[in-house]
Amino acid sequence: MLGLVGQAAGMFAVTNIDDVLVLALFFGRAAGHRGGATRVVIGQYLGFAAILAVSIVGALGAGLLPDAVIPYLGLLPLLLGMRAAWQAWRHRDDAEDAEDEVASDGTGGPSILTVAAVTLANGGDNIGVYVPVLTATGNGGLVVYGVVFLVLVAVWCALGRFFATRPLVARALSRWGHILLPVVLIGIGLVILVEGGAFGL
């Protein structure tokens, strides 16, 4: 059992290391907005729960997502990044407006759906890793992997919040976050599309 827990934790860490940066950016954007951090956590859980659900269904043989579709999940962060870049450019002379508009749901900071969509899209390639592993673990292994993954989502959120609240990091995110967020989102989208072979490369 401990070995299985260790394998699950290792696989989660390896496949989600880039999420810490994305979460730090989201938490940085949520700083100073009432309920902003809570929306980031809820969105992260919703997005990862969708990844886990699709992976489990795939492992059970339903084949919900064909391999050819997975690369196109990269369109989600790409489009969200382009939207965030457009809003940052539109408010380039008004820093306060830009702080409130980028990836916002109207109450300030990132919305739950934005965080969930980015998490899902960024983890689309994880599905290809999780499905064969979960298929080989059996029903007991599915439960262990699911519980470990969901616990580690909370750890990842804590790490993202930690990095976003360090004074040096917080100042950098406050000053450059409206630029970094669209760059990271667009980069994630392009990597998913290219590595998945969406462009036939």
Protein backbone atom coordinates (compact mmCIF):
# COMPACT_ATOMS: atom_id res chain seq x y z
CA MET A 1 0.00 0.00 0.00
CA LEU A 2 2.78 2.44 0.91
CA GLY A 3 4.53 1.63 -2.35
CA LEU A 4 1.34 2.37 -4.28
CA VAL A 5 0.91 5.67 -2.43
CA GLY A 6 4.51 6.59 -3.24
CA GLN A 7 4.02 5.73 -6.92
CA ALA A 8 0.84 7.82 -7.05
CA ALA A 9 2.53 10.78 -5.36
CA GLY A 10 5.54 10.56 -7.66
CA MET A 11 3.40 10.39 -10.79
CA PHE A 12 1.31 13.36 -9.66
CA ALA A 13 4.40 15.45 -8.91
CA VAL A 14 6.07 14.67 -12.24
CA THR A 15 2.97 15.33 -14.34
CA ASN A 16 1.87 18.50 -12.51
CA ILE A 17 5.11 20.34 -11.69
CA ASP A 18 4.19 23.19 -14.06
CA ASP A 19 0.88 23.69 -12.23
CA VAL A 20 2.72 25.24 -9.28
CA LEU A 21 3.77 28.20 -11.45
CA VAL A 22 0.29 28.55 -12.93
CA LEU A 23 -1.28 28.41 -9.46
CA ALA A 24 1.18 31.00 -8.15
CA LEU A 25 0.16 33.29 -11.00
CA PHE A 26 -3.54 32.74 -10.29
CA PHE A 27 -3.08 33.34 -6.55
CA GLY A 28 -1.07 36.45 -7.37
CA ARG A 29 -3.93 37.72 -9.54
CA ALA A 30 -6.42 36.86 -6.77
CA ALA A 31 -4.52 38.80 -4.08
CA GLY A 32 -6.59 41.62 -2.60
CA HIS A 33 -9.86 40.33 -4.06
CA ARG A 34 -12.47 38.97 -1.67
CA GLY A 35 -12.86 35.22 -2.16
CA GLY A 36 -10.24 35.20 -4.90
CA ALA A 37 -8.05 32.51 -3.34
CA THR A 38 -11.10 30.33 -2.66
CA ARG A 39 -12.12 30.55 -6.32
CA VAL A 40 -8.64 29.46 -7.37
CA VAL A 41 -8.78 26.40 -5.08
CA ILE A 42 -12.30 25.45 -6.20
CA GLY A 43 -11.36 25.90 -9.85
CA GLN A 44 -8.22 23.79 -9.41
CA TYR A 45 -10.22 21.00 -7.79
CA LEU A 46 -12.93 21.11 -10.46
CA GLY A 47 -10.38 21.00 -13.27
CA PHE A 48 -8.37 18.18 -11.74
CA ALA A 49 -11.51 16.23 -10.78
CA ALA A 50 -12.47 16.32 -14.47
CA ILE A 51 -9.01 15.04 -15.45
CA LEU A 52 -9.25 12.26 -12.86
CA ALA A 53 -12.80 11.32 -13.89
CA VAL A 54 -11.87 11.08 -17.57
CA SER A 55 -8.76 9.07 -16.69
CA ILE A 56 -10.76 6.62 -14.55
CA VAL A 57 -13.44 6.24 -17.20
CA GLY A 58 -10.71 5.67 -19.77
CA ALA A 59 -9.06 3.11 -17.48
CA LEU A 60 -12.34 1.29 -17.10
CA GLY A 61 -12.50 0.94 -20.87
CA ALA A 62 -15.11 3.53 -21.82
CA GLY A 63 -12.68 5.44 -24.03
CA LEU A 64 -14.37 8.78 -23.40
CA LEU A 65 -11.62 10.82 -25.10
CA PRO A 66 -10.02 9.49 -28.28
CA ASP A 67 -6.25 10.05 -28.47
CA ALA A 68 -6.74 12.39 -31.43
CA VAL A 69 -8.86 14.79 -29.34
CA ILE A 70 -6.49 15.24 -26.36
CA PRO A 71 -3.99 17.59 -28.07
CA TYR A 72 -6.80 20.00 -28.92
CA LEU A 73 -7.42 20.61 -25.21
CA GLY A 74 -4.47 22.99 -25.69
CA LEU A 75 -6.90 25.39 -27.38
CA LEU A 76 -8.46 26.19 -23.98
CA PRO A 77 -5.41 27.80 -22.33
CA LEU A 78 -4.36 29.28 -25.69
CA LEU A 79 -7.67 31.12 -26.09
CA LEU A 80 -7.77 32.13 -22.41
CA GLY A 81 -4.21 33.43 -22.71
CA MET A 82 -5.07 35.43 -25.82
CA ARG A 83 -8.09 36.90 -24.02
CA ALA A 84 -5.94 37.82 -21.00
CA ALA A 85 -3.30 39.36 -23.29
CA TRP A 86 -5.95 41.41 -25.09
CA GLN A 87 -7.36 42.72 -21.80
CA ALA A 88 -3.86 43.52 -20.47
CA TRP A 89 -3.07 45.42 -23.69
CA ARG A 90 -6.42 47.21 -23.65
CA HIS A 91 -5.77 48.45 -20.11
CA ARG A 92 -2.03 49.01 -20.52
CA ASP A 93 -2.41 52.64 -19.40
CA ASP A 94 -4.65 51.80 -16.48
CA ALA A 95 -2.94 49.33 -14.14
CA GLU A 96 -5.83 49.18 -11.71
CA ASP A 97 -8.33 48.20 -14.38
CA ALA A 98 -5.93 45.62 -15.75
CA GLU A 99 -5.58 44.11 -12.28
CA ASP A 100 -9.32 43.58 -12.09
CA GLU A 101 -10.08 42.55 -15.64
CA VAL A 102 -7.61 39.79 -16.54
CA ALA A 103 -9.25 36.39 -16.26
CA SER A 104 -11.89 37.87 -13.94
CA ASP A 105 -15.47 36.88 -13.20
CA GLY A 106 -16.53 40.43 -12.36
CA THR A 107 -15.65 40.23 -8.65
CA GLY A 108 -11.90 40.59 -9.20
CA GLY A 109 -9.23 37.95 -9.68
CA PRO A 110 -9.49 34.72 -11.69
CA SER A 111 -12.88 33.05 -12.02
CA ILE A 112 -13.56 29.45 -11.00
CA LEU A 113 -14.27 28.47 -14.60
CA THR A 114 -11.06 30.07 -15.87
CA VAL A 115 -8.93 28.17 -13.35
CA ALA A 116 -10.83 24.93 -13.99
CA ALA A 117 -10.51 25.26 -17.77
CA VAL A 118 -6.77 25.96 -17.59
CA THR A 119 -6.25 23.07 -15.16
CA LEU A 120 -8.19 20.70 -17.40
CA ALA A 121 -6.41 21.79 -20.55
CA ASN A 122 -2.98 21.77 -18.92
CA GLY A 123 -3.67 18.26 -17.62
CA GLY A 124 -5.03 16.94 -20.90
CA ASP A 125 -1.72 15.27 -21.67
CA ASN A 126 -1.76 13.75 -18.16
CA ILE A 127 -4.74 11.66 -19.20
CA GLY A 128 -2.53 9.77 -21.62
CA VAL A 129 -0.20 8.94 -18.71
CA TYR A 130 -2.86 8.20 -16.11
CA VAL A 131 -5.10 5.89 -18.17
CA PRO A 132 -2.60 3.05 -18.75
CA VAL A 133 -1.30 3.27 -15.16
CA LEU A 134 -4.78 3.25 -13.66
CA THR A 135 -5.77 0.41 -15.96
CA ALA A 136 -2.95 -1.72 -14.56
CA THR A 137 -3.65 -0.96 -10.87
CA GLY A 138 -7.06 -2.58 -10.57
CA ASN A 139 -10.06 -1.21 -8.65
CA GLY A 140 -8.16 -0.95 -5.35
CA GLY A 141 -5.39 0.97 -7.04
CA LEU A 142 -7.90 3.36 -8.61
CA VAL A 143 -9.12 4.34 -5.14
CA VAL A 144 -5.57 4.84 -3.82
CA TYR A 145 -4.50 6.91 -6.82
CA GLY A 146 -7.69 8.99 -6.68
CA VAL A 147 -7.34 9.78 -2.97
CA VAL A 148 -3.60 10.57 -3.24
CA PHE A 149 -4.16 12.81 -6.26
CA LEU A 150 -6.95 14.78 -4.57
CA VAL A 151 -4.88 15.25 -1.40
CA LEU A 152 -1.93 16.47 -3.46
CA VAL A 153 -4.12 19.02 -5.26
CA ALA A 154 -4.47 20.72 -1.86
CA VAL A 155 -0.69 20.55 -1.38
CA TRP A 156 -0.18 22.09 -4.84
CA CYS A 157 -2.63 24.89 -4.00
CA ALA A 158 -0.74 25.55 -0.76
CA LEU A 159 2.57 25.69 -2.66
CA GLY A 160 1.12 28.05 -5.26
CA ARG A 161 -0.28 30.31 -2.52
CA PHE A 162 3.05 30.15 -0.66
CA PHE A 163 5.05 31.29 -3.68
CA ALA A 164 2.49 33.99 -4.53
CA THR A 165 2.67 35.44 -0.99
CA ARG A 166 6.46 35.64 -0.69
CA PRO A 167 7.25 39.39 -0.69
CA LEU A 168 9.66 39.23 -3.63
CA VAL A 169 7.41 36.93 -5.65
CA ALA A 170 4.29 38.88 -4.69
CA ARG A 171 5.85 42.16 -5.87
CA ALA A 172 6.90 40.57 -9.14
CA LEU A 173 3.45 39.06 -9.69
CA SER A 174 1.80 42.35 -8.80
CA ARG A 175 3.94 44.22 -11.31
CA TRP A 176 4.24 41.63 -14.07
CA GLY A 177 1.42 39.13 -13.39
CA HIS A 178 -0.91 40.64 -16.00
CA ILE A 179 1.86 39.98 -18.57
CA LEU A 180 3.11 36.64 -17.21
CA LEU A 181 -0.33 35.01 -17.01
CA PRO A 182 -1.20 35.29 -20.72
CA VAL A 183 2.37 34.32 -21.70
CA VAL A 184 2.20 31.18 -19.53
CA LEU A 185 -1.30 30.26 -20.72
CA ILE A 186 -0.43 30.72 -24.39
CA GLY A 187 2.80 28.75 -23.86
CA ILE A 188 0.93 25.89 -22.19
CA GLY A 189 -1.60 25.80 -25.01
CA LEU A 190 1.06 25.74 -27.73
CA VAL A 191 3.09 23.04 -25.96
CA ILE A 192 0.00 20.81 -25.60
CA LEU A 193 -0.94 21.34 -29.24
CA VAL A 194 2.57 20.80 -30.63
CA GLU A 195 3.55 17.86 -28.43
CA GLY A 196 0.18 16.22 -29.10
CA GLY A 197 0.75 16.47 -32.83
CA ALA A 198 -2.20 18.79 -33.47
CA PHE A 199 -0.21 20.56 -36.21
CA GLY A 200 1.07 17.34 -37.73
CA LEU A 201 4.63 18.05 -36.47
